[in-house]
Amino acid sequence: MSLVRLIVYSDYLCPWCYNASVRLRILEDEFSSELELVWRSYLLRPEPKARNLEKFRAYTQSWTRPGADEDSGTFRPWEGDTPPPTHSVPAHLVGKAAAAIDRASFHRMHDALLQAYFAGSRDISDEAVLQAIWLEQGLPESGFALSQTEEILQETLEDHAEAQSLGITGAPAARVEGNEAFLTGALPLAMYRRWIERQIAARSAPATH
């Protein structure tokens, strides 16, 4: 049976990406050895830019909409005086550093980053915050330094450039490896499941001559 690899372009500052992540992770567990998710960076805020805290707090009230969906992430409007993240890149760098350890480490860090931002009011563009989250997940302290390397930065930027070259203009977006056609948006769990089932069936069908 051929493994279906699903390429997912996502950003840690995108509430709909959080919902897509929850649903796709459910299906990765459900389909087990038949499906593998490959997470790639899509940078909604590629450059550092300060944001007004009061306006940001008001914006986060809109998180109640994705939070009301079925199979959603955990959302809470921003609390306290912690400034919001200035840009997308740092969280992606740390996610990729965790992936360099193993898939389990990436999964823990990936989920923790989304939870920290959308439910914990934590600035996931701040290095100290990111290092704290890293250690909270039980990852080796020495591994965090990988997130500061040029190699990881280039991989992150190349992911984003790849998405743009495919015509992807927002996140989340997903495609099957080897196929440039993509689906955009946080689709319902049942819709993702039907799509993945079709891909698995197509890979499993005997070749015809």
N, C-alpha and C. Protein backbone atom coordinates (compact mmCIF):
# COMPACT_ATOMS: atom_id res chain seq x y z
N MET A 1 0.85 -1.19 0.00
CA MET A 1 0.00 0.00 0.00
C MET A 1 0.89 1.24 0.00
N SER A 2 0.58 2.19 -0.91
CA SER A 2 1.41 3.38 -1.06
C SER A 2 1.00 4.46 -0.07
N LEU A 3 1.98 5.06 0.58
CA LEU A 3 1.73 6.12 1.54
C LEU A 3 1.34 7.40 0.82
N VAL A 4 0.30 8.06 1.30
CA VAL A 4 -0.09 9.38 0.79
C VAL A 4 0.57 10.43 1.67
N ARG A 5 1.37 11.28 1.05
CA ARG A 5 2.01 12.38 1.78
C ARG A 5 1.27 13.66 1.42
N LEU A 6 0.74 14.30 2.44
CA LEU A 6 -0.03 15.52 2.27
C LEU A 6 0.84 16.71 2.69
N ILE A 7 1.10 17.62 1.74
CA ILE A 7 1.88 18.82 2.02
C ILE A 7 0.92 19.90 2.49
N VAL A 8 1.16 20.43 3.69
CA VAL A 8 0.27 21.44 4.27
C VAL A 8 1.05 22.74 4.49
N TYR A 9 0.57 23.81 3.88
CA TYR A 9 1.17 25.14 4.06
C TYR A 9 0.35 25.86 5.13
N SER A 10 1.05 26.30 6.16
CA SER A 10 0.34 26.79 7.34
C SER A 10 1.16 27.88 8.04
N ASP A 11 0.47 28.70 8.83
CA ASP A 11 1.15 29.73 9.61
C ASP A 11 0.66 29.68 11.05
N TYR A 12 1.58 29.86 11.98
CA TYR A 12 1.24 29.76 13.41
C TYR A 12 0.42 30.94 13.91
N LEU A 13 0.27 31.99 13.11
CA LEU A 13 -0.53 33.14 13.51
C LEU A 13 -1.90 33.14 12.85
N CYS A 14 -2.27 32.05 12.21
CA CYS A 14 -3.52 31.96 11.46
C CYS A 14 -4.52 31.08 12.21
N PRO A 15 -5.65 31.64 12.64
CA PRO A 15 -6.61 30.82 13.40
C PRO A 15 -7.20 29.68 12.59
N TRP A 16 -7.40 29.89 11.29
CA TRP A 16 -7.95 28.83 10.47
C TRP A 16 -6.93 27.72 10.26
N CYS A 17 -5.65 28.07 10.27
CA CYS A 17 -4.61 27.04 10.21
C CYS A 17 -4.64 26.16 11.45
N TYR A 18 -4.98 26.76 12.59
CA TYR A 18 -5.10 25.99 13.83
C TYR A 18 -6.19 24.94 13.67
N ASN A 19 -7.35 25.35 13.15
CA ASN A 19 -8.43 24.39 12.97
C ASN A 19 -8.06 23.31 11.96
N ALA A 20 -7.41 23.71 10.88
CA ALA A 20 -6.98 22.71 9.89
C ALA A 20 -6.01 21.73 10.52
N SER A 21 -5.12 22.23 11.36
CA SER A 21 -4.15 21.37 12.01
C SER A 21 -4.84 20.34 12.91
N VAL A 22 -5.81 20.78 13.69
CA VAL A 22 -6.53 19.86 14.57
C VAL A 22 -7.17 18.74 13.75
N ARG A 23 -7.82 19.10 12.66
CA ARG A 23 -8.53 18.11 11.85
C ARG A 23 -7.58 17.16 11.13
N LEU A 24 -6.52 17.72 10.56
CA LEU A 24 -5.58 16.88 9.83
C LEU A 24 -4.80 15.97 10.76
N ARG A 25 -4.52 16.43 11.97
CA ARG A 25 -3.84 15.56 12.93
C ARG A 25 -4.74 14.40 13.35
N ILE A 26 -6.04 14.66 13.48
CA ILE A 26 -7.00 13.58 13.78
C ILE A 26 -6.93 12.52 12.68
N LEU A 27 -6.90 12.99 11.44
CA LEU A 27 -6.89 12.06 10.31
C LEU A 27 -5.55 11.36 10.15
N GLU A 28 -4.46 12.03 10.50
CA GLU A 28 -3.16 11.37 10.45
C GLU A 28 -3.14 10.19 11.42
N ASP A 29 -3.74 10.37 12.58
CA ASP A 29 -3.84 9.26 13.53
C ASP A 29 -4.80 8.19 13.02
N GLU A 30 -5.89 8.63 12.44
CA GLU A 30 -6.93 7.70 11.97
C GLU A 30 -6.41 6.80 10.84
N PHE A 31 -5.70 7.40 9.89
CA PHE A 31 -5.22 6.64 8.75
C PHE A 31 -3.84 6.03 8.98
N SER A 32 -3.22 6.41 10.05
CA SER A 32 -1.97 5.81 10.53
C SER A 32 -0.93 5.66 9.43
N SER A 33 -0.59 4.45 9.08
CA SER A 33 0.51 4.20 8.14
C SER A 33 0.18 4.57 6.70
N GLU A 34 -1.07 4.95 6.43
CA GLU A 34 -1.45 5.28 5.06
C GLU A 34 -1.28 6.77 4.73
N LEU A 35 -1.11 7.61 5.76
CA LEU A 35 -1.07 9.05 5.56
C LEU A 35 0.06 9.68 6.37
N GLU A 36 0.78 10.59 5.74
CA GLU A 36 1.79 11.37 6.44
C GLU A 36 1.61 12.85 6.11
N LEU A 37 1.58 13.69 7.12
CA LEU A 37 1.48 15.13 6.92
C LEU A 37 2.89 15.72 6.88
N VAL A 38 3.11 16.59 5.91
CA VAL A 38 4.38 17.31 5.80
C VAL A 38 4.05 18.79 5.91
N TRP A 39 4.47 19.41 7.02
CA TRP A 39 4.11 20.80 7.28
C TRP A 39 5.16 21.74 6.69
N ARG A 40 4.68 22.71 5.92
CA ARG A 40 5.57 23.72 5.33
C ARG A 40 5.10 25.12 5.73
N SER A 41 6.03 26.03 5.73
CA SER A 41 5.77 27.38 6.24
C SER A 41 5.11 28.25 5.19
N TYR A 42 4.04 28.91 5.62
CA TYR A 42 3.46 30.00 4.85
C TYR A 42 3.47 31.21 5.77
N LEU A 43 4.09 32.29 5.33
CA LEU A 43 4.36 33.43 6.21
C LEU A 43 3.36 34.55 5.96
N LEU A 44 2.35 34.62 6.83
CA LEU A 44 1.38 35.69 6.71
C LEU A 44 1.98 37.03 7.13
N ARG A 45 2.93 37.00 8.04
CA ARG A 45 3.64 38.21 8.48
C ARG A 45 5.14 37.95 8.36
N PRO A 46 5.68 38.08 7.16
CA PRO A 46 7.09 37.72 6.96
C PRO A 46 8.09 38.69 7.57
N GLU A 47 7.69 39.94 7.78
CA GLU A 47 8.61 40.95 8.30
C GLU A 47 8.16 41.44 9.67
N PRO A 48 9.11 41.71 10.58
CA PRO A 48 8.74 42.23 11.90
C PRO A 48 8.04 43.58 11.80
N LYS A 49 6.95 43.70 12.51
CA LYS A 49 6.21 44.96 12.54
C LYS A 49 5.44 45.04 13.84
N ALA A 50 5.66 46.13 14.58
CA ALA A 50 4.96 46.32 15.86
C ALA A 50 3.46 46.48 15.61
N ARG A 51 2.67 46.02 16.56
CA ARG A 51 1.22 46.08 16.43
C ARG A 51 0.63 46.74 17.67
N ASN A 52 -0.42 47.51 17.49
CA ASN A 52 -1.09 48.18 18.60
C ASN A 52 -1.82 47.15 19.45
N LEU A 53 -1.51 47.13 20.74
CA LEU A 53 -2.06 46.10 21.62
C LEU A 53 -3.58 46.17 21.71
N GLU A 54 -4.13 47.37 21.85
CA GLU A 54 -5.58 47.49 22.01
C GLU A 54 -6.31 47.04 20.74
N LYS A 55 -5.79 47.43 19.59
CA LYS A 55 -6.40 46.98 18.33
C LYS A 55 -6.28 45.47 18.19
N PHE A 56 -5.13 44.93 18.63
CA PHE A 56 -4.94 43.49 18.54
C PHE A 56 -5.91 42.76 19.46
N ARG A 57 -6.09 43.27 20.68
CA ARG A 57 -7.07 42.65 21.59
C ARG A 57 -8.45 42.60 20.94
N ALA A 58 -8.83 43.71 20.31
CA ALA A 58 -10.14 43.75 19.65
C ALA A 58 -10.20 42.72 18.52
N TYR A 59 -9.11 42.61 17.76
CA TYR A 59 -9.06 41.63 16.68
C TYR A 59 -9.26 40.21 17.20
N THR A 60 -8.66 39.89 18.33
CA THR A 60 -8.73 38.51 18.83
C THR A 60 -10.14 38.10 19.28
N GLN A 61 -11.03 39.08 19.44
CA GLN A 61 -12.41 38.72 19.70
C GLN A 61 -13.00 37.92 18.53
N SER A 62 -12.44 38.14 17.34
CA SER A 62 -12.92 37.42 16.15
C SER A 62 -12.55 35.94 16.19
N TRP A 63 -11.65 35.56 17.09
CA TRP A 63 -11.28 34.15 17.19
C TRP A 63 -12.44 33.29 17.66
N THR A 64 -13.50 33.93 18.19
CA THR A 64 -14.66 33.14 18.62
C THR A 64 -15.30 32.43 17.42
N ARG A 65 -15.12 33.00 16.22
CA ARG A 65 -15.72 32.37 15.04
C ARG A 65 -15.07 31.04 14.72
N PRO A 66 -13.74 30.97 14.50
CA PRO A 66 -13.14 29.64 14.27
C PRO A 66 -13.29 28.73 15.49
N GLY A 67 -13.31 29.34 16.68
CA GLY A 67 -13.45 28.53 17.89
C GLY A 67 -14.81 27.88 18.02
N ALA A 68 -15.82 28.41 17.31
CA ALA A 68 -17.17 27.84 17.37
C ALA A 68 -17.36 26.68 16.40
N ASP A 69 -16.41 26.48 15.50
CA ASP A 69 -16.51 25.39 14.55
C ASP A 69 -16.35 24.03 15.25
N GLU A 70 -16.88 23.00 14.61
CA GLU A 70 -16.62 21.65 15.09
C GLU A 70 -15.15 21.31 14.84
N ASP A 71 -14.60 20.48 15.71
CA ASP A 71 -13.20 20.02 15.57
C ASP A 71 -12.26 21.22 15.43
N SER A 72 -12.39 22.15 16.37
CA SER A 72 -11.59 23.37 16.32
C SER A 72 -10.48 23.32 17.36
N GLY A 73 -9.57 24.29 17.23
CA GLY A 73 -8.57 24.50 18.26
C GLY A 73 -9.19 25.19 19.46
N THR A 74 -8.36 25.48 20.46
CA THR A 74 -8.80 26.20 21.66
C THR A 74 -8.44 27.67 21.51
N PHE A 75 -9.43 28.53 21.53
CA PHE A 75 -9.22 29.96 21.33
C PHE A 75 -9.69 30.76 22.53
N ARG A 76 -8.88 31.71 22.93
CA ARG A 76 -9.27 32.68 23.96
C ARG A 76 -8.77 34.05 23.53
N PRO A 77 -9.61 35.08 23.61
CA PRO A 77 -9.15 36.42 23.28
C PRO A 77 -7.92 36.80 24.12
N TRP A 78 -7.09 37.64 23.56
CA TRP A 78 -5.81 38.01 24.18
C TRP A 78 -6.02 38.66 25.53
N GLU A 79 -5.26 38.18 26.51
CA GLU A 79 -5.37 38.69 27.88
C GLU A 79 -4.04 39.29 28.32
N GLY A 80 -4.09 40.23 29.27
CA GLY A 80 -2.88 40.80 29.84
C GLY A 80 -2.26 41.85 28.94
N ASP A 81 -1.06 42.27 29.30
CA ASP A 81 -0.37 43.35 28.60
C ASP A 81 0.78 42.87 27.73
N THR A 82 0.89 41.56 27.53
CA THR A 82 1.94 41.04 26.65
C THR A 82 1.68 41.51 25.23
N PRO A 83 2.69 42.07 24.57
CA PRO A 83 2.46 42.51 23.17
C PRO A 83 2.24 41.32 22.25
N PRO A 84 1.53 41.52 21.15
CA PRO A 84 1.30 40.43 20.20
C PRO A 84 2.56 40.12 19.41
N PRO A 85 2.60 38.95 18.79
CA PRO A 85 3.75 38.62 17.94
C PRO A 85 3.96 39.65 16.83
N THR A 86 5.21 39.93 16.55
CA THR A 86 5.54 40.92 15.52
C THR A 86 5.59 40.31 14.12
N HIS A 87 5.89 39.01 14.02
CA HIS A 87 5.94 38.37 12.71
C HIS A 87 5.91 36.86 12.84
N SER A 88 5.76 36.19 11.71
CA SER A 88 5.53 34.75 11.68
C SER A 88 6.79 33.91 11.79
N VAL A 89 7.92 34.45 11.35
CA VAL A 89 9.10 33.62 11.12
C VAL A 89 9.60 32.86 12.36
N PRO A 90 9.76 33.51 13.53
CA PRO A 90 10.39 32.80 14.65
C PRO A 90 9.72 31.49 15.03
N ALA A 91 8.41 31.45 15.04
CA ALA A 91 7.71 30.21 15.42
C ALA A 91 8.01 29.09 14.42
N HIS A 92 8.07 29.44 13.15
CA HIS A 92 8.39 28.42 12.13
C HIS A 92 9.81 27.88 12.32
N LEU A 93 10.74 28.76 12.66
CA LEU A 93 12.12 28.32 12.86
C LEU A 93 12.19 27.28 13.99
N VAL A 94 11.46 27.54 15.05
CA VAL A 94 11.47 26.62 16.20
C VAL A 94 10.76 25.32 15.85
N GLY A 95 9.69 25.41 15.09
CA GLY A 95 9.01 24.20 14.65
C GLY A 95 9.92 23.32 13.82
N LYS A 96 10.67 23.92 12.92
CA LYS A 96 11.58 23.15 12.08
C LYS A 96 12.76 22.58 12.89
N ALA A 97 13.20 23.32 13.90
CA ALA A 97 14.26 22.80 14.77
C ALA A 97 13.76 21.56 15.51
N ALA A 98 12.51 21.58 15.95
CA ALA A 98 11.93 20.40 16.61
C ALA A 98 11.80 19.24 15.64
N ALA A 99 11.43 19.52 14.39
CA ALA A 99 11.30 18.48 13.38
C ALA A 99 12.63 17.81 13.10
N ALA A 100 13.73 18.56 13.26
CA ALA A 100 15.05 17.99 13.03
C ALA A 100 15.41 16.94 14.08
N ILE A 101 14.73 16.97 15.23
CA ILE A 101 14.94 15.95 16.27
C ILE A 101 14.21 14.67 15.87
N ASP A 102 12.90 14.76 15.72
CA ASP A 102 12.08 13.65 15.23
C ASP A 102 10.64 14.14 15.08
N ARG A 103 9.80 13.30 14.50
CA ARG A 103 8.41 13.69 14.23
C ARG A 103 7.63 13.93 15.52
N ALA A 104 7.89 13.13 16.53
CA ALA A 104 7.16 13.30 17.79
C ALA A 104 7.48 14.67 18.42
N SER A 105 8.74 15.06 18.34
CA SER A 105 9.12 16.37 18.89
C SER A 105 8.45 17.50 18.12
N PHE A 106 8.41 17.35 16.80
CA PHE A 106 7.72 18.37 16.00
C PHE A 106 6.25 18.45 16.38
N HIS A 107 5.59 17.32 16.49
CA HIS A 107 4.17 17.34 16.83
C HIS A 107 3.93 18.05 18.15
N ARG A 108 4.76 17.77 19.14
CA ARG A 108 4.58 18.43 20.44
C ARG A 108 4.78 19.94 20.32
N MET A 109 5.82 20.33 19.60
CA MET A 109 6.11 21.75 19.48
C MET A 109 5.07 22.45 18.62
N HIS A 110 4.68 21.83 17.54
CA HIS A 110 3.67 22.38 16.64
C HIS A 110 2.38 22.68 17.41
N ASP A 111 1.89 21.70 18.13
CA ASP A 111 0.66 21.88 18.89
C ASP A 111 0.83 22.94 19.99
N ALA A 112 1.99 22.93 20.64
CA ALA A 112 2.24 23.86 21.74
C ALA A 112 2.30 25.30 21.26
N LEU A 113 2.86 25.53 20.08
CA LEU A 113 2.94 26.89 19.54
C LEU A 113 1.54 27.45 19.26
N LEU A 114 0.70 26.64 18.66
CA LEU A 114 -0.66 27.08 18.37
C LEU A 114 -1.43 27.34 19.67
N GLN A 115 -1.29 26.45 20.62
CA GLN A 115 -1.97 26.59 21.90
C GLN A 115 -1.47 27.83 22.64
N ALA A 116 -0.18 28.07 22.61
CA ALA A 116 0.40 29.21 23.33
C ALA A 116 -0.12 30.53 22.79
N TYR A 117 -0.23 30.62 21.49
CA TYR A 117 -0.68 31.88 20.88
C TYR A 117 -2.18 32.07 21.02
N PHE A 118 -2.95 31.08 20.61
CA PHE A 118 -4.39 31.27 20.52
C PHE A 118 -5.13 31.06 21.84
N ALA A 119 -4.53 30.39 22.79
CA ALA A 119 -5.21 30.18 24.07
C ALA A 119 -4.42 30.69 25.26
N GLY A 120 -3.12 30.95 25.06
CA GLY A 120 -2.28 31.33 26.19
C GLY A 120 -1.79 32.76 26.20
N SER A 121 -2.16 33.54 25.18
CA SER A 121 -1.74 34.95 25.10
C SER A 121 -0.23 35.09 25.23
N ARG A 122 0.51 34.24 24.50
CA ARG A 122 1.97 34.28 24.56
C ARG A 122 2.53 34.75 23.22
N ASP A 123 3.53 35.60 23.30
CA ASP A 123 4.15 36.18 22.11
C ASP A 123 5.11 35.17 21.50
N ILE A 124 4.65 34.45 20.47
CA ILE A 124 5.48 33.39 19.89
C ILE A 124 6.44 33.92 18.82
N SER A 125 6.68 35.24 18.87
CA SER A 125 7.79 35.78 18.08
C SER A 125 8.96 36.15 18.99
N ASP A 126 8.78 35.99 20.30
CA ASP A 126 9.81 36.33 21.28
C ASP A 126 10.68 35.11 21.57
N GLU A 127 11.99 35.27 21.45
CA GLU A 127 12.90 34.13 21.60
C GLU A 127 12.80 33.50 22.98
N ALA A 128 12.70 34.32 24.03
CA ALA A 128 12.62 33.78 25.39
C ALA A 128 11.35 32.95 25.57
N VAL A 129 10.25 33.42 25.01
CA VAL A 129 8.99 32.68 25.09
C VAL A 129 9.11 31.36 24.33
N LEU A 130 9.69 31.41 23.16
CA LEU A 130 9.84 30.21 22.36
C LEU A 130 10.74 29.18 23.05
N GLN A 131 11.81 29.66 23.66
CA GLN A 131 12.69 28.73 24.37
C GLN A 131 11.97 28.12 25.57
N ALA A 132 11.15 28.91 26.25
CA ALA A 132 10.38 28.38 27.38
C ALA A 132 9.41 27.30 26.91
N ILE A 133 8.72 27.55 25.81
CA ILE A 133 7.79 26.54 25.28
C ILE A 133 8.55 25.28 24.88
N TRP A 134 9.71 25.47 24.28
CA TRP A 134 10.57 24.34 23.89
C TRP A 134 10.88 23.45 25.09
N LEU A 135 11.31 24.06 26.17
CA LEU A 135 11.68 23.30 27.36
C LEU A 135 10.45 22.68 28.02
N GLU A 136 9.32 23.36 27.95
CA GLU A 136 8.07 22.81 28.50
C GLU A 136 7.67 21.52 27.80
N GLN A 137 8.07 21.37 26.56
CA GLN A 137 7.75 20.15 25.81
C GLN A 137 8.76 19.04 26.05
N GLY A 138 9.74 19.31 26.90
CA GLY A 138 10.73 18.29 27.22
C GLY A 138 11.75 18.06 26.14
N LEU A 139 11.93 19.04 25.25
CA LEU A 139 12.90 18.88 24.17
C LEU A 139 14.30 19.23 24.69
N PRO A 140 15.33 18.65 24.11
CA PRO A 140 16.70 18.87 24.60
C PRO A 140 17.10 20.34 24.46
N GLU A 141 17.59 20.90 25.54
CA GLU A 141 17.94 22.32 25.56
C GLU A 141 18.89 22.69 24.43
N SER A 142 19.84 21.83 24.14
CA SER A 142 20.84 22.13 23.12
C SER A 142 20.23 22.23 21.72
N GLY A 143 19.10 21.57 21.49
CA GLY A 143 18.50 21.55 20.17
C GLY A 143 17.88 22.87 19.76
N PHE A 144 17.57 23.72 20.73
CA PHE A 144 16.92 24.99 20.42
C PHE A 144 17.81 25.86 19.54
N ALA A 145 19.12 25.73 19.68
CA ALA A 145 20.05 26.57 18.92
C ALA A 145 19.90 26.38 17.41
N LEU A 146 19.39 25.23 17.00
CA LEU A 146 19.22 24.98 15.58
C LEU A 146 18.26 25.98 14.95
N SER A 147 17.33 26.47 15.75
CA SER A 147 16.35 27.43 15.23
C SER A 147 16.99 28.75 14.83
N GLN A 148 18.21 28.98 15.27
CA GLN A 148 18.91 30.23 14.97
C GLN A 148 19.83 30.12 13.76
N THR A 149 19.83 28.97 13.10
CA THR A 149 20.78 28.75 12.01
C THR A 149 20.25 29.28 10.68
N GLU A 150 21.18 29.62 9.80
CA GLU A 150 20.83 30.10 8.46
C GLU A 150 20.12 29.01 7.66
N GLU A 151 20.51 27.77 7.89
CA GLU A 151 19.90 26.65 7.16
C GLU A 151 18.40 26.57 7.41
N ILE A 152 18.01 26.69 8.66
CA ILE A 152 16.59 26.62 9.01
C ILE A 152 15.84 27.83 8.46
N LEU A 153 16.45 28.99 8.53
CA LEU A 153 15.82 30.19 7.99
C LEU A 153 15.59 30.04 6.49
N GLN A 154 16.59 29.55 5.77
CA GLN A 154 16.45 29.39 4.32
C GLN A 154 15.36 28.38 3.99
N GLU A 155 15.28 27.30 4.76
CA GLU A 155 14.23 26.30 4.53
C GLU A 155 12.85 26.92 4.70
N THR A 156 12.71 27.75 5.72
CA THR A 156 11.43 28.43 5.98
C THR A 156 11.06 29.34 4.82
N LEU A 157 12.00 30.15 4.38
CA LEU A 157 11.74 31.08 3.28
C LEU A 157 11.46 30.33 1.98
N GLU A 158 12.15 29.21 1.77
CA GLU A 158 11.92 28.42 0.55
C GLU A 158 10.53 27.79 0.56
N ASP A 159 10.06 27.37 1.73
CA ASP A 159 8.69 26.84 1.83
C ASP A 159 7.69 27.89 1.34
N HIS A 160 7.85 29.11 1.85
CA HIS A 160 6.92 30.19 1.50
C HIS A 160 7.00 30.50 0.01
N ALA A 161 8.23 30.54 -0.53
CA ALA A 161 8.41 30.81 -1.95
C ALA A 161 7.78 29.72 -2.80
N GLU A 162 7.89 28.47 -2.35
CA GLU A 162 7.28 27.35 -3.07
C GLU A 162 5.78 27.53 -3.14
N ALA A 163 5.17 27.88 -2.01
CA ALA A 163 3.72 28.08 -1.98
C ALA A 163 3.30 29.17 -2.96
N GLN A 164 4.04 30.26 -2.97
CA GLN A 164 3.71 31.36 -3.88
C GLN A 164 3.87 30.93 -5.33
N SER A 165 4.88 30.12 -5.61
CA SER A 165 5.10 29.67 -6.99
C SER A 165 3.97 28.78 -7.48
N LEU A 166 3.27 28.14 -6.56
CA LEU A 166 2.14 27.28 -6.91
C LEU A 166 0.84 28.07 -7.04
N GLY A 167 0.91 29.36 -6.71
CA GLY A 167 -0.29 30.19 -6.78
C GLY A 167 -1.06 30.26 -5.48
N ILE A 168 -0.48 29.75 -4.40
CA ILE A 168 -1.14 29.80 -3.09
C ILE A 168 -1.00 31.21 -2.54
N THR A 169 -2.11 31.83 -2.20
CA THR A 169 -2.09 33.22 -1.73
C THR A 169 -2.55 33.36 -0.29
N GLY A 170 -2.79 32.27 0.38
CA GLY A 170 -3.21 32.30 1.78
C GLY A 170 -3.10 30.93 2.40
N ALA A 171 -3.31 30.89 3.69
CA ALA A 171 -3.20 29.64 4.43
C ALA A 171 -4.46 29.43 5.27
N PRO A 172 -4.79 28.16 5.54
CA PRO A 172 -4.06 26.94 5.18
C PRO A 172 -4.33 26.51 3.74
N ALA A 173 -3.40 25.76 3.21
CA ALA A 173 -3.55 25.15 1.90
C ALA A 173 -2.90 23.78 1.96
N ALA A 174 -3.42 22.84 1.19
CA ALA A 174 -2.88 21.48 1.23
C ALA A 174 -2.91 20.87 -0.16
N ARG A 175 -1.92 20.05 -0.43
CA ARG A 175 -1.86 19.33 -1.70
C ARG A 175 -1.22 17.97 -1.46
N VAL A 176 -1.45 17.06 -2.36
CA VAL A 176 -0.82 15.75 -2.31
C VAL A 176 0.55 15.86 -2.95
N GLU A 177 1.55 15.27 -2.33
CA GLU A 177 2.90 15.30 -2.89
C GLU A 177 2.87 14.76 -4.32
N GLY A 178 3.55 15.48 -5.22
CA GLY A 178 3.56 15.08 -6.61
C GLY A 178 2.47 15.70 -7.44
N ASN A 179 1.58 16.43 -6.81
CA ASN A 179 0.46 17.08 -7.50
C ASN A 179 0.43 18.54 -7.08
N GLU A 180 0.48 19.45 -8.03
CA GLU A 180 0.54 20.87 -7.71
C GLU A 180 -0.83 21.46 -7.42
N ALA A 181 -1.91 20.74 -7.68
CA ALA A 181 -3.25 21.23 -7.35
C ALA A 181 -3.42 21.25 -5.83
N PHE A 182 -4.08 22.28 -5.31
CA PHE A 182 -4.18 22.40 -3.86
C PHE A 182 -5.60 22.80 -3.44
N LEU A 183 -5.91 22.48 -2.20
CA LEU A 183 -7.15 22.90 -1.56
C LEU A 183 -6.82 23.99 -0.55
N THR A 184 -7.64 25.01 -0.47
CA THR A 184 -7.39 26.09 0.49
C THR A 184 -8.50 26.17 1.52
N GLY A 185 -8.16 26.73 2.66
CA GLY A 185 -9.13 26.90 3.73
C GLY A 185 -9.12 25.75 4.72
N ALA A 186 -9.73 25.99 5.86
CA ALA A 186 -9.87 24.95 6.89
C ALA A 186 -11.15 24.18 6.59
N LEU A 187 -11.02 23.10 5.86
CA LEU A 187 -12.17 22.31 5.46
C LEU A 187 -12.73 21.53 6.64
N PRO A 188 -14.02 21.19 6.61
CA PRO A 188 -14.58 20.33 7.65
C PRO A 188 -13.86 18.98 7.69
N LEU A 189 -13.86 18.38 8.85
CA LEU A 189 -13.18 17.10 9.02
C LEU A 189 -13.67 16.06 8.02
N ALA A 190 -14.99 15.98 7.81
CA ALA A 190 -15.54 14.98 6.90
C ALA A 190 -15.07 15.20 5.47
N MET A 191 -14.90 16.46 5.07
CA MET A 191 -14.45 16.75 3.71
C MET A 191 -12.98 16.36 3.54
N TYR A 192 -12.17 16.70 4.54
CA TYR A 192 -10.78 16.25 4.49
C TYR A 192 -10.73 14.73 4.42
N ARG A 193 -11.54 14.05 5.21
CA ARG A 193 -11.51 12.59 5.25
C ARG A 193 -11.84 12.00 3.87
N ARG A 194 -12.89 12.52 3.23
CA ARG A 194 -13.27 11.99 1.91
C ARG A 194 -12.16 12.21 0.90
N TRP A 195 -11.54 13.38 0.95
CA TRP A 195 -10.44 13.69 0.02
C TRP A 195 -9.28 12.71 0.23
N ILE A 196 -8.92 12.49 1.48
CA ILE A 196 -7.80 11.60 1.78
C ILE A 196 -8.15 10.16 1.40
N GLU A 197 -9.39 9.74 1.67
CA GLU A 197 -9.80 8.38 1.28
C GLU A 197 -9.69 8.18 -0.22
N ARG A 198 -10.04 9.20 -0.99
CA ARG A 198 -9.92 9.08 -2.45
C ARG A 198 -8.46 8.96 -2.87
N GLN A 199 -7.61 9.73 -2.21
CA GLN A 199 -6.18 9.67 -2.55
C GLN A 199 -5.59 8.30 -2.20
N ILE A 200 -5.98 7.76 -1.07
CA ILE A 200 -5.48 6.45 -0.66
C ILE A 200 -5.99 5.37 -1.61
N ALA A 201 -7.26 5.47 -1.99
CA ALA A 201 -7.83 4.49 -2.91
C ALA A 201 -7.13 4.54 -4.26
N ALA A 202 -6.83 5.75 -4.72
CA ALA A 202 -6.17 5.89 -6.02
C ALA A 202 -4.76 5.30 -5.98
N ARG A 203 -4.06 5.50 -4.85
CA ARG A 203 -2.72 4.95 -4.73
C ARG A 203 -2.73 3.43 -4.61
N SER A 204 -3.81 2.89 -4.06
CA SER A 204 -3.89 1.45 -3.81
C SER A 204 -4.43 0.67 -5.01
N ALA A 205 -5.03 1.37 -5.96
CA ALA A 205 -5.63 0.69 -7.11
C ALA A 205 -4.55 0.05 -7.95
N PRO A 206 -4.79 -1.15 -8.47
CA PRO A 206 -3.79 -1.82 -9.33
C PRO A 206 -3.56 -1.02 -10.61
N ALA A 207 -2.34 -1.01 -11.05
CA ALA A 207 -2.00 -0.30 -12.28
C ALA A 207 -2.63 -1.00 -13.48
N THR A 208 -3.08 -0.21 -14.44
CA THR A 208 -3.66 -0.78 -15.66
C THR A 208 -2.72 -0.50 -16.83
N HIS A 209 -2.76 -1.37 -17.78
CA HIS A 209 -1.85 -1.25 -18.94
C HIS A 209 -2.69 -1.12 -20.22
